[in-house]
Amino acid sequence: MATEPEVRADGRRPTDVDRPNRPESHHRDIQSGAARAAVFGVSDGLVSNVTLILGIAGAAPRGSAVLLAGLVGLIGGSVSMASGEYNSMRVQRELFERELDMERRELGRRPHVEQVELSLIYQSRGMDPDLSRQLAAEMMRDPDLALQTHAREELGIDPDSLGSPLLAAVSSFVAFAFGALVPLVPWFFGVGVAAIVTSIVLTGVTAVVVGWVIGRFTGRRQLWSAVRQLLFAAVPAALTFGIGSAVGATVS
């Protein structure tokens, strides 16, 4: 049985604005690094391997050479992307942790100074001086809350969302491998013009889908994101295919 919401002292019923502590579920987690690594991993894998595959295919070698090159590009690129993403996220996390350790020491050594700093931050945002001092004092009562507040307000860091290097690396590896596999699939079953055309079609369709997903994820125009992603794949692929064809004709 539904109950009527409580009535406030001023006679108004509480709204969502009156309940700031209610968790919001409509925001995505964009700080962990996994989503970013996955999106860029698919895009990079798709573009880098299709350019490699079509560049070699343009020189008209045997199908086995294209397949070997594509496999090398897939494995090497996946490992490189994963290790690079891990190192990047690891260094970023260590830098954040260092700043948090420094802030934790300052809170222990000079709590009054840190309280004044927090109050001044609130005042710089338009809060009443007396209210800002009162709020800063309340924040400083709990050491964990004080650290979280100073980290967010002074450093722009969320201590609970420093990012996971391992998760980012795994996401990057899997995503890059998936993107790199798309243009390579036809070469497991065929060679020549048929494999080239199929590789181009699969790459184009995947690029459009990736662009559409990026547009939906970021809230931007999905059609433009899809077209942009298609151009990112088509232009370098056409260039490498042309270069490969020119080099192959010269060598032969």
C-alpha atoms as a PDB file:
ATOM      1  CA  MET A   1       0.000   0.000   0.000  1.00  0.00           C
ATOM      2  CA  ALA A   2       1.474   3.336  -1.064  1.00  0.00           C
ATOM      3  CA  THR A   3       1.997   5.930   1.630  1.00  0.00           C
ATOM      4  CA  GLU A   4       1.719   9.657   1.248  1.00  0.00           C
ATOM      5  CA  PRO A   5       5.069  11.459   1.271  1.00  0.00           C
ATOM      6  CA  GLU A   6       5.834  13.330   4.447  1.00  0.00           C
ATOM      7  CA  VAL A   7       4.934  17.007   4.601  1.00  0.00           C
ATOM      8  CA  ARG A   8       7.644  19.514   5.439  1.00  0.00           C
ATOM      9  CA  ALA A   9       7.297  22.121   8.158  1.00  0.00           C
ATOM     10  CA  ASP A  10       6.488  24.788   5.553  1.00  0.00           C
ATOM     11  CA  GLY A  11       3.573  22.737   4.230  1.00  0.00           C
ATOM     12  CA  ARG A  12       5.318  21.675   0.996  1.00  0.00           C
ATOM     13  CA  ARG A  13       5.832  18.081  -0.025  1.00  0.00           C
ATOM     14  CA  PRO A  14       9.459  17.094  -0.590  1.00  0.00           C
ATOM     15  CA  THR A  15      10.699  16.874  -4.149  1.00  0.00           C
ATOM     16  CA  ASP A  16      13.777  15.300  -5.634  1.00  0.00           C
ATOM     17  CA  VAL A  17      15.549  18.633  -5.152  1.00  0.00           C
ATOM     18  CA  ASP A  18      14.846  18.340  -1.425  1.00  0.00           C
ATOM     19  CA  ARG A  19      16.579  14.948  -1.351  1.00  0.00           C
ATOM     20  CA  PRO A  20      20.146  15.582  -2.598  1.00  0.00           C
ATOM     21  CA  ASN A  21      21.417  12.321  -1.132  1.00  0.00           C
ATOM     22  CA  ARG A  22      19.208  10.170  -3.341  1.00  0.00           C
ATOM     23  CA  PRO A  23      21.534   8.201  -5.680  1.00  0.00           C
ATOM     24  CA  GLU A  24      21.327   9.048  -9.354  1.00  0.00           C
ATOM     25  CA  SER A  25      21.346   6.017 -11.640  1.00  0.00           C
ATOM     26  CA  HIS A  26      21.172   7.762 -15.017  1.00  0.00           C
ATOM     27  CA  HIS A  27      24.829   8.778 -15.149  1.00  0.00           C
ATOM     28  CA  ARG A  28      27.374   6.493 -16.791  1.00  0.00           C
ATOM     29  CA  ASP A  29      30.686   5.537 -15.209  1.00  0.00           C
ATOM     30  CA  ILE A  30      33.124   7.379 -17.449  1.00  0.00           C
ATOM     31  CA  GLN A  31      36.122   7.595 -15.106  1.00  0.00           C
ATOM     32  CA  SER A  32      37.175   3.970 -14.746  1.00  0.00           C
ATOM     33  CA  GLY A  33      38.977   3.980 -18.113  1.00  0.00           C
ATOM     34  CA  ALA A  34      37.400   0.737 -19.332  1.00  0.00           C
ATOM     35  CA  ALA A  35      34.760   2.366 -21.552  1.00  0.00           C
ATOM     36  CA  ARG A  36      37.278   4.764 -23.068  1.00  0.00           C
ATOM     37  CA  ALA A  37      39.763   1.959 -23.702  1.00  0.00           C
ATOM     38  CA  ALA A  38      37.093  -0.225 -25.317  1.00  0.00           C
ATOM     39  CA  VAL A  39      35.844   2.475 -27.685  1.00  0.00           C
ATOM     40  CA  PHE A  40      39.288   3.562 -28.802  1.00  0.00           C
ATOM     41  CA  GLY A  41      40.469  -0.033 -28.922  1.00  0.00           C
ATOM     42  CA  VAL A  42      37.845  -1.096 -31.462  1.00  0.00           C
ATOM     43  CA  SER A  43      38.429   2.014 -33.555  1.00  0.00           C
ATOM     44  CA  ASP A  44      42.210   1.685 -33.510  1.00  0.00           C
ATOM     45  CA  GLY A  45      42.145  -2.040 -34.219  1.00  0.00           C
ATOM     46  CA  LEU A  46      39.786  -1.587 -37.149  1.00  0.00           C
ATOM     47  CA  VAL A  47      41.682   1.285 -38.764  1.00  0.00           C
ATOM     48  CA  SER A  48      45.229   0.054 -38.176  1.00  0.00           C
ATOM     49  CA  ASN A  49      44.638  -3.476 -39.403  1.00  0.00           C
ATOM     50  CA  VAL A  50      42.539  -2.618 -42.434  1.00  0.00           C
ATOM     51  CA  THR A  51      45.246  -0.217 -43.587  1.00  0.00           C
ATOM     52  CA  LEU A  52      47.881  -2.922 -43.090  1.00  0.00           C
ATOM     53  CA  ILE A  53      45.810  -5.597 -44.835  1.00  0.00           C
ATOM     54  CA  LEU A  54      44.816  -3.452 -47.814  1.00  0.00           C
ATOM     55  CA  GLY A  55      48.306  -2.029 -48.140  1.00  0.00           C
ATOM     56  CA  ILE A  56      49.756  -5.496 -48.563  1.00  0.00           C
ATOM     57  CA  ALA A  57      46.816  -6.702 -50.636  1.00  0.00           C
ATOM     58  CA  GLY A  58      47.325  -3.723 -52.956  1.00  0.00           C
ATOM     59  CA  ALA A  59      50.762  -5.029 -53.789  1.00  0.00           C
ATOM     60  CA  ALA A  60      49.039  -8.247 -54.990  1.00  0.00           C
ATOM     61  CA  PRO A  61      50.934 -10.801 -52.924  1.00  0.00           C
ATOM     62  CA  ARG A  62      49.696 -14.265 -52.130  1.00  0.00           C
ATOM     63  CA  GLY A  63      46.720 -14.473 -49.800  1.00  0.00           C
ATOM     64  CA  SER A  64      48.857 -16.167 -47.150  1.00  0.00           C
ATOM     65  CA  ALA A  65      51.035 -13.067 -46.902  1.00  0.00           C
ATOM     66  CA  VAL A  66      48.008 -10.849 -46.253  1.00  0.00           C
ATOM     67  CA  LEU A  67      46.678 -13.291 -43.647  1.00  0.00           C
ATOM     68  CA  LEU A  68      50.044 -13.465 -41.886  1.00  0.00           C
ATOM     69  CA  ALA A  69      50.410  -9.687 -41.866  1.00  0.00           C
ATOM     70  CA  GLY A  70      46.884  -9.276 -40.521  1.00  0.00           C
ATOM     71  CA  LEU A  71      47.493 -11.770 -37.731  1.00  0.00           C
ATOM     72  CA  VAL A  72      50.748 -10.045 -36.777  1.00  0.00           C
ATOM     73  CA  GLY A  73      48.972  -6.702 -36.758  1.00  0.00           C
ATOM     74  CA  LEU A  74      46.160  -8.084 -34.609  1.00  0.00           C
ATOM     75  CA  ILE A  75      48.394  -9.735 -32.008  1.00  0.00           C
ATOM     76  CA  GLY A  76      51.076  -7.067 -31.910  1.00  0.00           C
ATOM     77  CA  GLY A  77      48.584  -4.226 -31.830  1.00  0.00           C
ATOM     78  CA  SER A  78      46.450  -5.818 -29.106  1.00  0.00           C
ATOM     79  CA  VAL A  79      49.431  -6.418 -26.845  1.00  0.00           C
ATOM     80  CA  SER A  80      50.813  -2.948 -27.498  1.00  0.00           C
ATOM     81  CA  MET A  81      47.472  -1.267 -26.821  1.00  0.00           C
ATOM     82  CA  ALA A  82      46.883  -3.240 -23.637  1.00  0.00           C
ATOM     83  CA  SER A  83      50.344  -2.591 -22.209  1.00  0.00           C
ATOM     84  CA  GLY A  84      50.191   1.084 -23.134  1.00  0.00           C
ATOM     85  CA  GLU A  85      46.753   1.493 -21.565  1.00  0.00           C
ATOM     86  CA  TYR A  86      47.864  -0.338 -18.423  1.00  0.00           C
ATOM     87  CA  ASN A  87      50.972   1.800 -18.022  1.00  0.00           C
ATOM     88  CA  SER A  88      49.031   4.995 -18.673  1.00  0.00           C
ATOM     89  CA  MET A  89      46.317   4.177 -16.156  1.00  0.00           C
ATOM     90  CA  ARG A  90      48.859   2.872 -13.634  1.00  0.00           C
ATOM     91  CA  VAL A  91      50.900   6.077 -13.740  1.00  0.00           C
ATOM     92  CA  GLN A  92      47.759   8.205 -13.554  1.00  0.00           C
ATOM     93  CA  ARG A  93      46.502   6.253 -10.541  1.00  0.00           C
ATOM     94  CA  GLU A  94      49.878   6.493  -8.791  1.00  0.00           C
ATOM     95  CA  LEU A  95      49.945  10.260  -9.343  1.00  0.00           C
ATOM     96  CA  PHE A  96      46.457  10.567  -7.884  1.00  0.00           C
ATOM     97  CA  GLU A  97      47.408   8.392  -4.912  1.00  0.00           C
ATOM     98  CA  ARG A  98      50.486  10.530  -4.296  1.00  0.00           C
ATOM     99  CA  GLU A  99      48.383  13.692  -4.236  1.00  0.00           C
ATOM    100  CA  LEU A 100      45.895  12.041  -1.881  1.00  0.00           C
ATOM    101  CA  ASP A 101      48.709  10.970   0.467  1.00  0.00           C
ATOM    102  CA  MET A 102      50.043  14.523   0.533  1.00  0.00           C
ATOM    103  CA  GLU A 103      46.574  15.888   1.256  1.00  0.00           C
ATOM    104  CA  ARG A 104      46.065  13.291   4.007  1.00  0.00           C
ATOM    105  CA  ARG A 105      49.314  14.386   5.688  1.00  0.00           C
ATOM    106  CA  GLU A 106      48.341  18.059   5.469  1.00  0.00           C
ATOM    107  CA  LEU A 107      44.970  17.319   7.041  1.00  0.00           C
ATOM    108  CA  GLY A 108      46.742  15.624   9.926  1.00  0.00           C
ATOM    109  CA  ARG A 109      49.405  18.296  10.402  1.00  0.00           C
ATOM    110  CA  ARG A 110      47.441  21.484   9.758  1.00  0.00           C
ATOM    111  CA  PRO A 111      43.722  20.785  10.044  1.00  0.00           C
ATOM    112  CA  HIS A 112      42.857  24.421  10.796  1.00  0.00           C
ATOM    113  CA  VAL A 113      44.659  25.684   7.687  1.00  0.00           C
ATOM    114  CA  GLU A 114      42.926  23.067   5.561  1.00  0.00           C
ATOM    115  CA  GLN A 115      39.576  24.040   7.044  1.00  0.00           C
ATOM    116  CA  VAL A 116      40.183  27.677   6.153  1.00  0.00           C
ATOM    117  CA  GLU A 117      41.169  26.671   2.611  1.00  0.00           C
ATOM    118  CA  LEU A 118      37.956  24.698   2.216  1.00  0.00           C
ATOM    119  CA  SER A 119      35.897  27.590   3.528  1.00  0.00           C
ATOM    120  CA  LEU A 120      37.557  29.966   1.052  1.00  0.00           C
ATOM    121  CA  ILE A 121      36.807  27.577  -1.806  1.00  0.00           C
ATOM    122  CA  TYR A 122      33.117  27.617  -0.891  1.00  0.00           C
ATOM    123  CA  GLN A 123      33.181  31.399  -0.610  1.00  0.00           C
ATOM    124  CA  SER A 124      34.793  31.721  -4.039  1.00  0.00           C
ATOM    125  CA  ARG A 125      31.746  29.921  -5.406  1.00  0.00           C
ATOM    126  CA  GLY A 126      29.371  32.441  -3.925  1.00  0.00           C
ATOM    127  CA  MET A 127      28.520  30.872  -0.574  1.00  0.00           C
ATOM    128  CA  ASP A 128      27.895  33.077   2.446  1.00  0.00           C
ATOM    129  CA  PRO A 129      31.105  33.356   4.542  1.00  0.00           C
ATOM    130  CA  ASP A 130      29.469  32.243   7.800  1.00  0.00           C
ATOM    131  CA  LEU A 131      27.759  29.304   6.099  1.00  0.00           C
ATOM    132  CA  SER A 132      30.983  28.327   4.309  1.00  0.00           C
ATOM    133  CA  ARG A 133      32.907  28.271   7.595  1.00  0.00           C
ATOM    134  CA  GLN A 134      30.185  26.213   9.227  1.00  0.00           C
ATOM    135  CA  LEU A 135      30.105  23.746   6.343  1.00  0.00           C
ATOM    136  CA  ALA A 136      33.892  23.444   6.272  1.00  0.00           C
ATOM    137  CA  ALA A 137      33.924  22.759  10.017  1.00  0.00           C
ATOM    138  CA  GLU A 138      31.336  20.013   9.626  1.00  0.00           C
ATOM    139  CA  MET A 139      33.319  18.426   6.796  1.00  0.00           C
ATOM    140  CA  MET A 140      36.478  18.397   8.918  1.00  0.00           C
ATOM    141  CA  ARG A 141      34.846  16.445  11.752  1.00  0.00           C
ATOM    142  CA  ASP A 142      35.169  13.156   9.849  1.00  0.00           C
ATOM    143  CA  PRO A 143      38.750  12.475   8.583  1.00  0.00           C
ATOM    144  CA  ASP A 144      37.558  10.314   5.664  1.00  0.00           C
ATOM    145  CA  LEU A 145      34.933  12.836   4.610  1.00  0.00           C
ATOM    146  CA  ALA A 146      37.468  15.631   4.976  1.00  0.00           C
ATOM    147  CA  LEU A 147      39.912  13.846   2.673  1.00  0.00           C
ATOM    148  CA  GLN A 148      37.247  13.111   0.077  1.00  0.00           C
ATOM    149  CA  THR A 149      35.995  16.691   0.171  1.00  0.00           C
ATOM    150  CA  HIS A 150      39.451  18.251  -0.144  1.00  0.00           C
ATOM    151  CA  ALA A 151      40.373  15.811  -2.916  1.00  0.00           C
ATOM    152  CA  ARG A 152      37.316  16.800  -4.929  1.00  0.00           C
ATOM    153  CA  GLU A 153      37.330  20.511  -4.186  1.00  0.00           C
ATOM    154  CA  GLU A 154      41.088  21.208  -4.273  1.00  0.00           C
ATOM    155  CA  LEU A 155      42.490  18.513  -6.553  1.00  0.00           C
ATOM    156  CA  GLY A 156      39.522  17.588  -8.718  1.00  0.00           C
ATOM    157  CA  ILE A 157      40.005  13.919  -7.786  1.00  0.00           C
ATOM    158  CA  ASP A 158      37.346  11.414  -6.777  1.00  0.00           C
ATOM    159  CA  PRO A 159      39.128   9.009  -4.396  1.00  0.00           C
ATOM    160  CA  ASP A 160      36.551   6.324  -5.156  1.00  0.00           C
ATOM    161  CA  SER A 161      37.037   6.511  -8.946  1.00  0.00           C
ATOM    162  CA  LEU A 162      40.766   6.449  -9.630  1.00  0.00           C
ATOM    163  CA  GLY A 163      40.409   3.968 -12.484  1.00  0.00           C
ATOM    164  CA  SER A 164      41.483   0.345 -12.838  1.00  0.00           C
ATOM    165  CA  PRO A 165      44.655  -0.222 -14.922  1.00  0.00           C
ATOM    166  CA  LEU A 166      43.960  -3.952 -15.293  1.00  0.00           C
ATOM    167  CA  LEU A 167      40.364  -3.454 -16.388  1.00  0.00           C
ATOM    168  CA  ALA A 168      41.423  -0.787 -18.867  1.00  0.00           C
ATOM    169  CA  ALA A 169      44.164  -3.047 -20.262  1.00  0.00           C
ATOM    170  CA  VAL A 170      41.851  -6.039 -20.691  1.00  0.00           C
ATOM    171  CA  SER A 171      39.176  -3.875 -22.314  1.00  0.00           C
ATOM    172  CA  SER A 172      41.737  -2.371 -24.656  1.00  0.00           C
ATOM    173  CA  PHE A 173      43.171  -5.774 -25.627  1.00  0.00           C
ATOM    174  CA  VAL A 174      39.794  -7.375 -26.354  1.00  0.00           C
ATOM    175  CA  ALA A 175      38.431  -4.327 -28.163  1.00  0.00           C
ATOM    176  CA  PHE A 176      41.514  -3.873 -30.355  1.00  0.00           C
ATOM    177  CA  ALA A 177      41.569  -7.570 -31.212  1.00  0.00           C
ATOM    178  CA  PHE A 178      37.906  -7.456 -32.189  1.00  0.00           C
ATOM    179  CA  GLY A 179      38.403  -4.379 -34.372  1.00  0.00           C
ATOM    180  CA  ALA A 180      41.511  -5.829 -36.001  1.00  0.00           C
ATOM    181  CA  LEU A 181      39.789  -9.159 -36.674  1.00  0.00           C
ATOM    182  CA  VAL A 182      36.945  -7.642 -38.719  1.00  0.00           C
ATOM    183  CA  PRO A 183      38.924  -6.840 -41.916  1.00  0.00           C
ATOM    184  CA  LEU A 184      40.955 -10.026 -41.528  1.00  0.00           C
ATOM    185  CA  VAL A 185      38.060 -12.500 -41.505  1.00  0.00           C
ATOM    186  CA  PRO A 186      37.643 -12.741 -45.330  1.00  0.00           C
ATOM    187  CA  TRP A 187      41.289 -13.748 -45.716  1.00  0.00           C
ATOM    188  CA  PHE A 188      40.722 -16.918 -43.717  1.00  0.00           C
ATOM    189  CA  PHE A 189      38.384 -18.117 -46.478  1.00  0.00           C
ATOM    190  CA  GLY A 190      39.550 -16.487 -49.688  1.00  0.00           C
ATOM    191  CA  VAL A 191      42.033 -14.338 -51.580  1.00  0.00           C
ATOM    192  CA  GLY A 192      42.120 -11.733 -54.308  1.00  0.00           C
ATOM    193  CA  VAL A 193      39.413  -9.268 -55.260  1.00  0.00           C
ATOM    194  CA  ALA A 194      36.640 -11.081 -53.396  1.00  0.00           C
ATOM    195  CA  ALA A 195      38.552 -10.974 -50.111  1.00  0.00           C
ATOM    196  CA  ILE A 196      39.502  -7.318 -50.658  1.00  0.00           C
ATOM    197  CA  VAL A 197      35.920  -6.240 -51.352  1.00  0.00           C
ATOM    198  CA  THR A 198      34.533  -8.229 -48.429  1.00  0.00           C
ATOM    199  CA  SER A 199      37.178  -6.778 -46.130  1.00  0.00           C
ATOM    200  CA  ILE A 200      36.268  -3.243 -47.223  1.00  0.00           C
ATOM    201  CA  VAL A 201      32.538  -3.847 -46.751  1.00  0.00           C
ATOM    202  CA  LEU A 202      32.952  -5.382 -43.302  1.00  0.00           C
ATOM    203  CA  THR A 203      35.222  -2.543 -42.252  1.00  0.00           C
ATOM    204  CA  GLY A 204      32.780   0.088 -43.499  1.00  0.00           C
ATOM    205  CA  VAL A 205      29.808  -1.470 -41.732  1.00  0.00           C
ATOM    206  CA  THR A 206      31.741  -1.875 -38.489  1.00  0.00           C
ATOM    207  CA  ALA A 207      33.031   1.699 -38.649  1.00  0.00           C
ATOM    208  CA  VAL A 208      29.485   3.005 -39.054  1.00  0.00           C
ATOM    209  CA  VAL A 209      28.274   0.910 -36.111  1.00  0.00           C
ATOM    210  CA  VAL A 210      31.170   2.059 -33.919  1.00  0.00           C
ATOM    211  CA  GLY A 211      30.517   5.685 -34.854  1.00  0.00           C
ATOM    212  CA  TRP A 212      26.818   5.293 -34.105  1.00  0.00           C
ATOM    213  CA  VAL A 213      27.607   3.781 -30.685  1.00  0.00           C
ATOM    214  CA  ILE A 214      30.060   6.591 -29.927  1.00  0.00           C
ATOM    215  CA  GLY A 215      27.427   9.154 -30.854  1.00  0.00           C
ATOM    216  CA  ARG A 216      24.857   7.476 -28.632  1.00  0.00           C
ATOM    217  CA  PHE A 217      27.335   7.137 -25.785  1.00  0.00           C
ATOM    218  CA  THR A 218      28.424  10.783 -25.918  1.00  0.00           C
ATOM    219  CA  GLY A 219      25.011  12.240 -26.720  1.00  0.00           C
ATOM    220  CA  ARG A 220      26.233  13.726 -30.011  1.00  0.00           C
ATOM    221  CA  ARG A 221      24.588  13.435 -33.396  1.00  0.00           C
ATOM    222  CA  GLN A 222      24.784   9.752 -34.261  1.00  0.00           C
ATOM    223  CA  LEU A 223      24.716  10.221 -38.036  1.00  0.00           C
ATOM    224  CA  TRP A 224      27.673  12.597 -37.949  1.00  0.00           C
ATOM    225  CA  SER A 225      29.600  10.310 -35.585  1.00  0.00           C
ATOM    226  CA  ALA A 226      28.990   7.358 -37.919  1.00  0.00           C
ATOM    227  CA  VAL A 227      30.108   9.298 -41.008  1.00  0.00           C
ATOM    228  CA  ARG A 228      33.169  10.618 -39.222  1.00  0.00           C
ATOM    229  CA  GLN A 229      34.187   7.143 -38.090  1.00  0.00           C
ATOM    230  CA  LEU A 230      33.696   5.818 -41.617  1.00  0.00           C
ATOM    231  CA  LEU A 231      36.001   8.531 -42.987  1.00  0.00           C
ATOM    232  CA  PHE A 232      38.598   7.732 -40.327  1.00  0.00           C
ATOM    233  CA  ALA A 233      38.723   4.168 -41.649  1.00  0.00           C
ATOM    234  CA  ALA A 234      38.206   4.789 -45.372  1.00  0.00           C
ATOM    235  CA  VAL A 235      40.777   7.530 -46.006  1.00  0.00           C
ATOM    236  CA  PRO A 236      43.893   5.790 -44.559  1.00  0.00           C
ATOM    237  CA  ALA A 237      42.772   2.449 -46.024  1.00  0.00           C
ATOM    238  CA  ALA A 238      42.500   3.986 -49.493  1.00  0.00           C
ATOM    239  CA  LEU A 239      45.904   5.625 -49.121  1.00  0.00           C
ATOM    240  CA  THR A 240      47.688   2.443 -48.081  1.00  0.00           C
ATOM    241  CA  PHE A 241      45.955   0.416 -50.776  1.00  0.00           C
ATOM    242  CA  GLY A 242      47.074   2.969 -53.372  1.00  0.00           C
ATOM    243  CA  ILE A 243      50.628   2.940 -52.057  1.00  0.00           C
ATOM    244  CA  GLY A 244      50.663  -0.854 -51.986  1.00  0.00           C
ATOM    245  CA  SER A 245      49.380  -1.035 -55.559  1.00  0.00           C
ATOM    246  CA  ALA A 246      52.014   1.469 -56.739  1.00  0.00           C
ATOM    247  CA  VAL A 247      54.842  -0.353 -54.962  1.00  0.00           C
ATOM    248  CA  GLY A 248      53.630  -3.733 -56.212  1.00  0.00           C
ATOM    249  CA  ALA A 249      53.473  -2.508 -59.792  1.00  0.00           C
ATOM    250  CA  THR A 250      56.995  -1.066 -59.513  1.00  0.00           C
ATOM    251  CA  VAL A 251      58.468  -4.225 -58.013  1.00  0.00           C
ATOM    252  CA  SER A 252      56.798  -6.505 -60.514  1.00  0.00           C
END
